[in-house]
């Protein structure tokens, strides 16, 4: 399981580093200003995780159990259904929660990540899928769905990309749909914790 833990951190970091850099945007309207702030906020959180992955709190769901198990010192259970990565700020407030389905075959990797603001509202959600596929250049398909929300949980911006290892846009060959898990997007931290059964004593 140690290898599994290291691979999760590595792949998660790899996926984060593949995100396009935040480009300067000419601020012509309040929506542009708000969106730019949200992009910068999310990017800062992602960069912090890359440099401080040990700051993540890791919980796992095992088959037949509803209570999540905290992973300490890389002591992973033998069977896993989902992994949850949690990040807190310096005040102890949760600012990120990622849900990661376990891949038994190891030929795909999916993350569903919620980002929360100072009031616990969801301001961004990202779904990332990493699939090994010999039909594309580089042998890997990278799917990313990224949404930004206002305080009313209305979508400000939605981006979707499907790329090969070099970052070139590719057509969906039908393989991506095979690895779709049912998932939910929660409007705030409380709803997310309840949906994932993450409790204060985890």
C-alpha atoms as a PDB file:
ATOM      1  CA  UNK A   1       0.000   0.000   0.000  1.00  0.00           C
ATOM      2  CA  UNK A   2       2.991   2.308   0.434  1.00  0.00           C
ATOM      3  CA  UNK A   3       3.524   2.184  -3.304  1.00  0.00           C
ATOM      4  CA  UNK A   4      -0.151   2.986  -3.818  1.00  0.00           C
ATOM      5  CA  UNK A   5       0.095   6.016  -1.530  1.00  0.00           C
ATOM      6  CA  UNK A   6       3.151   7.367  -3.309  1.00  0.00           C
ATOM      7  CA  UNK A   7       1.576   6.809  -6.696  1.00  0.00           C
ATOM      8  CA  UNK A   8      -1.559   8.710  -5.639  1.00  0.00           C
ATOM      9  CA  UNK A   9       0.484  11.719  -4.567  1.00  0.00           C
ATOM     10  CA  UNK A  10       2.615  11.520  -7.707  1.00  0.00           C
ATOM     11  CA  UNK A  11      -0.287  11.241 -10.133  1.00  0.00           C
ATOM     12  CA  UNK A  12      -2.290  13.907  -8.310  1.00  0.00           C
ATOM     13  CA  UNK A  13       0.707  16.246  -8.477  1.00  0.00           C
ATOM     14  CA  UNK A  14       1.254  15.358 -12.129  1.00  0.00           C
ATOM     15  CA  UNK A  15      -2.344  16.180 -12.964  1.00  0.00           C
ATOM     16  CA  UNK A  16      -2.113  19.474 -11.121  1.00  0.00           C
ATOM     17  CA  UNK A  17       1.060  20.504 -12.925  1.00  0.00           C
ATOM     18  CA  UNK A  18      -0.581  19.834 -16.299  1.00  0.00           C
ATOM     19  CA  UNK A  19      -3.057  22.654 -15.747  1.00  0.00           C
ATOM     20  CA  UNK A  20      -2.585  25.577 -18.069  1.00  0.00           C
ATOM     21  CA  UNK A  21      -0.987  28.604 -16.374  1.00  0.00           C
ATOM     22  CA  UNK A  22      -3.278  31.412 -15.338  1.00  0.00           C
ATOM     23  CA  UNK A  23      -3.015  33.999 -18.118  1.00  0.00           C
ATOM     24  CA  UNK A  24      -3.519  37.712 -17.459  1.00  0.00           C
ATOM     25  CA  UNK A  25      -7.105  38.728 -18.228  1.00  0.00           C
ATOM     26  CA  UNK A  26      -8.146  42.245 -19.102  1.00  0.00           C
ATOM     27  CA  UNK A  27     -10.670  43.215 -16.468  1.00  0.00           C
ATOM     28  CA  UNK A  28     -13.599  44.654 -18.371  1.00  0.00           C
ATOM     29  CA  UNK A  29     -16.458  43.645 -16.059  1.00  0.00           C
ATOM     30  CA  UNK A  30     -17.087  42.641 -12.432  1.00  0.00           C
ATOM     31  CA  UNK A  31     -17.554  39.011 -13.508  1.00  0.00           C
ATOM     32  CA  UNK A  32     -14.053  38.997 -15.021  1.00  0.00           C
ATOM     33  CA  UNK A  33     -12.598  40.371 -11.794  1.00  0.00           C
ATOM     34  CA  UNK A  34     -14.406  37.809  -9.641  1.00  0.00           C
ATOM     35  CA  UNK A  35     -13.432  34.954 -11.946  1.00  0.00           C
ATOM     36  CA  UNK A  36      -9.778  35.995 -11.956  1.00  0.00           C
ATOM     37  CA  UNK A  37      -9.724  36.033  -8.154  1.00  0.00           C
ATOM     38  CA  UNK A  38     -11.232  32.546  -8.011  1.00  0.00           C
ATOM     39  CA  UNK A  39      -8.733  31.210 -10.541  1.00  0.00           C
ATOM     40  CA  UNK A  40      -5.841  32.656  -8.573  1.00  0.00           C
ATOM     41  CA  UNK A  41      -7.232  31.289  -5.306  1.00  0.00           C
ATOM     42  CA  UNK A  42      -7.568  27.778  -6.741  1.00  0.00           C
ATOM     43  CA  UNK A  43      -4.132  27.924  -8.355  1.00  0.00           C
ATOM     44  CA  UNK A  44      -2.555  28.900  -5.039  1.00  0.00           C
ATOM     45  CA  UNK A  45      -4.183  25.928  -3.303  1.00  0.00           C
ATOM     46  CA  UNK A  46      -2.990  23.551  -6.033  1.00  0.00           C
ATOM     47  CA  UNK A  47       0.558  24.838  -5.836  1.00  0.00           C
ATOM     48  CA  UNK A  48       0.563  24.484  -2.060  1.00  0.00           C
ATOM     49  CA  UNK A  49      -0.438  20.820  -2.352  1.00  0.00           C
ATOM     50  CA  UNK A  50       2.328  20.126  -4.837  1.00  0.00           C
ATOM     51  CA  UNK A  51       4.915  21.522  -2.422  1.00  0.00           C
ATOM     52  CA  UNK A  52       3.304  20.294   0.818  1.00  0.00           C
ATOM     53  CA  UNK A  53       1.529  17.034  -0.008  1.00  0.00           C
ATOM     54  CA  UNK A  54       2.125  15.788   3.549  1.00  0.00           C
ATOM     55  CA  UNK A  55      -0.259  18.485   4.759  1.00  0.00           C
ATOM     56  CA  UNK A  56      -3.138  16.490   3.288  1.00  0.00           C
ATOM     57  CA  UNK A  57      -5.347  14.529   5.654  1.00  0.00           C
ATOM     58  CA  UNK A  58      -6.106  11.171   4.034  1.00  0.00           C
ATOM     59  CA  UNK A  59      -9.221   9.119   4.748  1.00  0.00           C
ATOM     60  CA  UNK A  60     -10.353   5.926   3.045  1.00  0.00           C
ATOM     61  CA  UNK A  61     -13.611   4.050   2.689  1.00  0.00           C
ATOM     62  CA  UNK A  62     -13.315   0.279   2.855  1.00  0.00           C
ATOM     63  CA  UNK A  63     -15.925  -2.193   1.527  1.00  0.00           C
ATOM     64  CA  UNK A  64     -18.861  -2.834   3.839  1.00  0.00           C
ATOM     65  CA  UNK A  65     -18.057   0.062   6.184  1.00  0.00           C
ATOM     66  CA  UNK A  66     -19.579   3.528   6.330  1.00  0.00           C
ATOM     67  CA  UNK A  67     -17.098   5.062   8.774  1.00  0.00           C
ATOM     68  CA  UNK A  68     -13.974   6.321   7.067  1.00  0.00           C
ATOM     69  CA  UNK A  69     -10.517   5.280   8.225  1.00  0.00           C
ATOM     70  CA  UNK A  70      -7.713   7.796   8.638  1.00  0.00           C
ATOM     71  CA  UNK A  71      -4.430   6.784   7.022  1.00  0.00           C
ATOM     72  CA  UNK A  72      -1.511   7.420   9.367  1.00  0.00           C
ATOM     73  CA  UNK A  73       2.151   6.771   8.529  1.00  0.00           C
ATOM     74  CA  UNK A  74       1.144   5.224   5.190  1.00  0.00           C
ATOM     75  CA  UNK A  75      -0.704   2.429   6.976  1.00  0.00           C
ATOM     76  CA  UNK A  76      -3.220   1.649   4.238  1.00  0.00           C
ATOM     77  CA  UNK A  77      -5.980  -0.973   4.580  1.00  0.00           C
ATOM     78  CA  UNK A  78      -5.897  -3.960   2.245  1.00  0.00           C
ATOM     79  CA  UNK A  79      -9.115  -2.995   0.460  1.00  0.00           C
ATOM     80  CA  UNK A  80     -10.189   0.498  -0.578  1.00  0.00           C
ATOM     81  CA  UNK A  81     -13.264   1.862  -2.337  1.00  0.00           C
ATOM     82  CA  UNK A  82     -12.532   5.575  -2.140  1.00  0.00           C
ATOM     83  CA  UNK A  83      -9.756   7.823  -0.893  1.00  0.00           C
ATOM     84  CA  UNK A  84     -10.484  11.325   0.420  1.00  0.00           C
ATOM     85  CA  UNK A  85      -7.843  14.038   0.547  1.00  0.00           C
ATOM     86  CA  UNK A  86      -8.568  16.964   2.865  1.00  0.00           C
ATOM     87  CA  UNK A  87      -6.622  20.214   3.123  1.00  0.00           C
ATOM     88  CA  UNK A  88      -6.968  22.760   5.934  1.00  0.00           C
ATOM     89  CA  UNK A  89      -5.633  26.300   6.123  1.00  0.00           C
ATOM     90  CA  UNK A  90      -3.598  27.682   9.018  1.00  0.00           C
ATOM     91  CA  UNK A  91      -6.775  28.345  11.034  1.00  0.00           C
ATOM     92  CA  UNK A  92      -7.925  24.736  10.720  1.00  0.00           C
ATOM     93  CA  UNK A  93     -10.646  25.522   8.193  1.00  0.00           C
ATOM     94  CA  UNK A  94     -11.135  22.968   5.400  1.00  0.00           C
ATOM     95  CA  UNK A  95     -10.464  24.561   2.023  1.00  0.00           C
ATOM     96  CA  UNK A  96     -10.291  21.475  -0.219  1.00  0.00           C
ATOM     97  CA  UNK A  97     -11.770  17.982  -0.364  1.00  0.00           C
ATOM     98  CA  UNK A  98     -10.929  15.443  -3.084  1.00  0.00           C
ATOM     99  CA  UNK A  99     -12.695  12.146  -3.653  1.00  0.00           C
ATOM    100  CA  UNK A 100     -10.676   9.473  -5.489  1.00  0.00           C
ATOM    101  CA  UNK A 101     -12.285   6.187  -6.568  1.00  0.00           C
ATOM    102  CA  UNK A 102      -9.948   3.216  -6.239  1.00  0.00           C
ATOM    103  CA  UNK A 103      -8.781   1.680  -9.507  1.00  0.00           C
ATOM    104  CA  UNK A 104      -8.418  -2.073  -9.098  1.00  0.00           C
ATOM    105  CA  UNK A 105      -6.785  -2.422 -12.518  1.00  0.00           C
ATOM    106  CA  UNK A 106      -4.556   0.616 -12.129  1.00  0.00           C
ATOM    107  CA  UNK A 107      -5.136   1.740 -15.715  1.00  0.00           C
ATOM    108  CA  UNK A 108      -7.202   4.811 -14.802  1.00  0.00           C
ATOM    109  CA  UNK A 109      -7.244   7.515 -12.142  1.00  0.00           C
ATOM    110  CA  UNK A 110     -10.073   9.928 -11.273  1.00  0.00           C
ATOM    111  CA  UNK A 111     -10.349  12.809  -8.820  1.00  0.00           C
ATOM    112  CA  UNK A 112     -13.338  14.950  -7.883  1.00  0.00           C
ATOM    113  CA  UNK A 113     -12.140  18.070  -6.075  1.00  0.00           C
ATOM    114  CA  UNK A 114     -14.156  20.762  -4.277  1.00  0.00           C
ATOM    115  CA  UNK A 115     -12.579  24.101  -3.325  1.00  0.00           C
ATOM    116  CA  UNK A 116     -14.147  26.139  -0.500  1.00  0.00           C
ATOM    117  CA  UNK A 117     -13.920  29.829   0.335  1.00  0.00           C
ATOM    118  CA  UNK A 118     -13.701  31.506   3.743  1.00  0.00           C
ATOM    119  CA  UNK A 119     -17.431  30.971   4.348  1.00  0.00           C
ATOM    120  CA  UNK A 120     -17.383  27.334   3.311  1.00  0.00           C
ATOM    121  CA  UNK A 121     -19.034  27.921  -0.066  1.00  0.00           C
ATOM    122  CA  UNK A 122     -17.847  25.961  -3.086  1.00  0.00           C
ATOM    123  CA  UNK A 123     -16.131  28.340  -5.496  1.00  0.00           C
ATOM    124  CA  UNK A 124     -14.574  25.735  -7.795  1.00  0.00           C
ATOM    125  CA  UNK A 125     -14.987  22.075  -8.709  1.00  0.00           C
ATOM    126  CA  UNK A 126     -12.641  19.980 -10.827  1.00  0.00           C
ATOM    127  CA  UNK A 127     -13.071  16.505 -12.239  1.00  0.00           C
ATOM    128  CA  UNK A 128      -9.923  14.916 -13.646  1.00  0.00           C
ATOM    129  CA  UNK A 129      -9.641  11.606 -15.421  1.00  0.00           C
ATOM    130  CA  UNK A 130      -6.337  10.019 -16.372  1.00  0.00           C
ATOM    131  CA  UNK A 131      -6.737   6.949 -18.614  1.00  0.00           C
ATOM    132  CA  UNK A 132      -4.124   4.733 -20.200  1.00  0.00           C
ATOM    133  CA  UNK A 133      -5.068   4.239 -23.853  1.00  0.00           C
ATOM    134  CA  UNK A 134      -2.747   2.805 -26.495  1.00  0.00           C
ATOM    135  CA  UNK A 135      -4.801   4.414 -29.275  1.00  0.00           C
ATOM    136  CA  UNK A 136      -3.566   7.930 -28.481  1.00  0.00           C
ATOM    137  CA  UNK A 137      -0.119   9.482 -28.693  1.00  0.00           C
ATOM    138  CA  UNK A 138       1.750   8.986 -25.438  1.00  0.00           C
ATOM    139  CA  UNK A 139      -0.657   6.283 -24.321  1.00  0.00           C
ATOM    140  CA  UNK A 140      -2.618   8.471 -21.893  1.00  0.00           C
ATOM    141  CA  UNK A 141      -5.857  10.462 -22.120  1.00  0.00           C
ATOM    142  CA  UNK A 142      -6.283  13.468 -19.809  1.00  0.00           C
ATOM    143  CA  UNK A 143      -9.841  14.664 -19.253  1.00  0.00           C
ATOM    144  CA  UNK A 144     -10.499  17.780 -17.171  1.00  0.00           C
ATOM    145  CA  UNK A 145     -13.787  19.433 -16.257  1.00  0.00           C
ATOM    146  CA  UNK A 146     -13.408  22.661 -14.294  1.00  0.00           C
ATOM    147  CA  UNK A 147     -16.216  24.866 -12.988  1.00  0.00           C
ATOM    148  CA  UNK A 148     -16.162  28.154 -11.066  1.00  0.00           C
ATOM    149  CA  UNK A 149     -19.139  29.343  -9.001  1.00  0.00           C
ATOM    150  CA  UNK A 150     -20.411  32.587  -7.528  1.00  0.00           C
ATOM    151  CA  UNK A 151     -21.755  32.926  -3.960  1.00  0.00           C
ATOM    152  CA  UNK A 152     -25.152  31.616  -5.108  1.00  0.00           C
ATOM    153  CA  UNK A 153     -23.581  28.467  -6.587  1.00  0.00           C
ATOM    154  CA  UNK A 154     -24.309  29.654 -10.120  1.00  0.00           C
ATOM    155  CA  UNK A 155     -21.671  28.750 -12.693  1.00  0.00           C
ATOM    156  CA  UNK A 156     -19.406  31.655 -13.646  1.00  0.00           C
ATOM    157  CA  UNK A 157     -17.212  29.643 -15.986  1.00  0.00           C
ATOM    158  CA  UNK A 158     -17.018  26.066 -17.235  1.00  0.00           C
ATOM    159  CA  UNK A 159     -14.059  24.534 -19.073  1.00  0.00           C
ATOM    160  CA  UNK A 160     -13.711  21.038 -20.501  1.00  0.00           C
ATOM    161  CA  UNK A 161     -10.618  19.566 -22.132  1.00  0.00           C
ATOM    162  CA  UNK A 162      -9.654  16.165 -23.504  1.00  0.00           C
ATOM    163  CA  UNK A 163      -5.955  15.928 -24.317  1.00  0.00           C
ATOM    164  CA  UNK A 164      -3.106  13.544 -24.972  1.00  0.00           C
ATOM    165  CA  UNK A 165       0.159  13.499 -23.023  1.00  0.00           C
ATOM    166  CA  UNK A 166       1.593  16.373 -25.068  1.00  0.00           C
ATOM    167  CA  UNK A 167      -1.418  18.584 -24.332  1.00  0.00           C
ATOM    168  CA  UNK A 168      -2.909  18.251 -27.811  1.00  0.00           C
ATOM    169  CA  UNK A 169      -6.704  18.203 -27.985  1.00  0.00           C
ATOM    170  CA  UNK A 170      -8.102  14.830 -29.014  1.00  0.00           C
ATOM    171  CA  UNK A 171     -11.544  13.506 -29.910  1.00  0.00           C
ATOM    172  CA  UNK A 172     -13.436  11.310 -27.500  1.00  0.00           C
ATOM    173  CA  UNK A 173     -13.014   7.781 -28.806  1.00  0.00           C
ATOM    174  CA  UNK A 174     -15.676   6.473 -26.449  1.00  0.00           C
ATOM    175  CA  UNK A 175     -13.196   5.095 -23.921  1.00  0.00           C
ATOM    176  CA  UNK A 176     -13.546   7.935 -21.427  1.00  0.00           C
ATOM    177  CA  UNK A 177     -17.206   7.144 -20.735  1.00  0.00           C
ATOM    178  CA  UNK A 178     -16.271   3.668 -19.522  1.00  0.00           C
ATOM    179  CA  UNK A 179     -14.574   5.142 -16.469  1.00  0.00           C
ATOM    180  CA  UNK A 180     -17.354   7.523 -15.395  1.00  0.00           C
ATOM    181  CA  UNK A 181     -18.374   7.135 -11.769  1.00  0.00           C
ATOM    182  CA  UNK A 182     -21.530   8.653 -10.346  1.00  0.00           C
ATOM    183  CA  UNK A 183     -20.537  11.810  -8.529  1.00  0.00           C
ATOM    184  CA  UNK A 184     -22.113  14.887  -6.973  1.00  0.00           C
ATOM    185  CA  UNK A 185     -21.117  18.535  -6.879  1.00  0.00           C
ATOM    186  CA  UNK A 186     -21.876  20.088  -3.496  1.00  0.00           C
ATOM    187  CA  UNK A 187     -22.649  23.772  -3.000  1.00  0.00           C
ATOM    188  CA  UNK A 188     -20.800  24.098   0.294  1.00  0.00           C
ATOM    189  CA  UNK A 189     -18.487  22.364   2.757  1.00  0.00           C
ATOM    190  CA  UNK A 190     -21.231  21.080   5.067  1.00  0.00           C
ATOM    191  CA  UNK A 191     -23.047  19.370   2.198  1.00  0.00           C
ATOM    192  CA  UNK A 192     -19.791  17.890   0.918  1.00  0.00           C
ATOM    193  CA  UNK A 193     -18.786  16.474   4.300  1.00  0.00           C
ATOM    194  CA  UNK A 194     -22.244  14.994   4.751  1.00  0.00           C
ATOM    195  CA  UNK A 195     -22.256  13.534   1.255  1.00  0.00           C
ATOM    196  CA  UNK A 196     -18.870  11.902   1.750  1.00  0.00           C
ATOM    197  CA  UNK A 197     -19.612  10.892   5.357  1.00  0.00           C
ATOM    198  CA  UNK A 198     -16.589  12.824   6.604  1.00  0.00           C
ATOM    199  CA  UNK A 199     -17.094  13.509  10.299  1.00  0.00           C
ATOM    200  CA  UNK A 200     -15.216  15.603  12.798  1.00  0.00           C
ATOM    201  CA  UNK A 201     -13.687  12.565  14.489  1.00  0.00           C
ATOM    202  CA  UNK A 202     -12.250  11.097  11.261  1.00  0.00           C
END
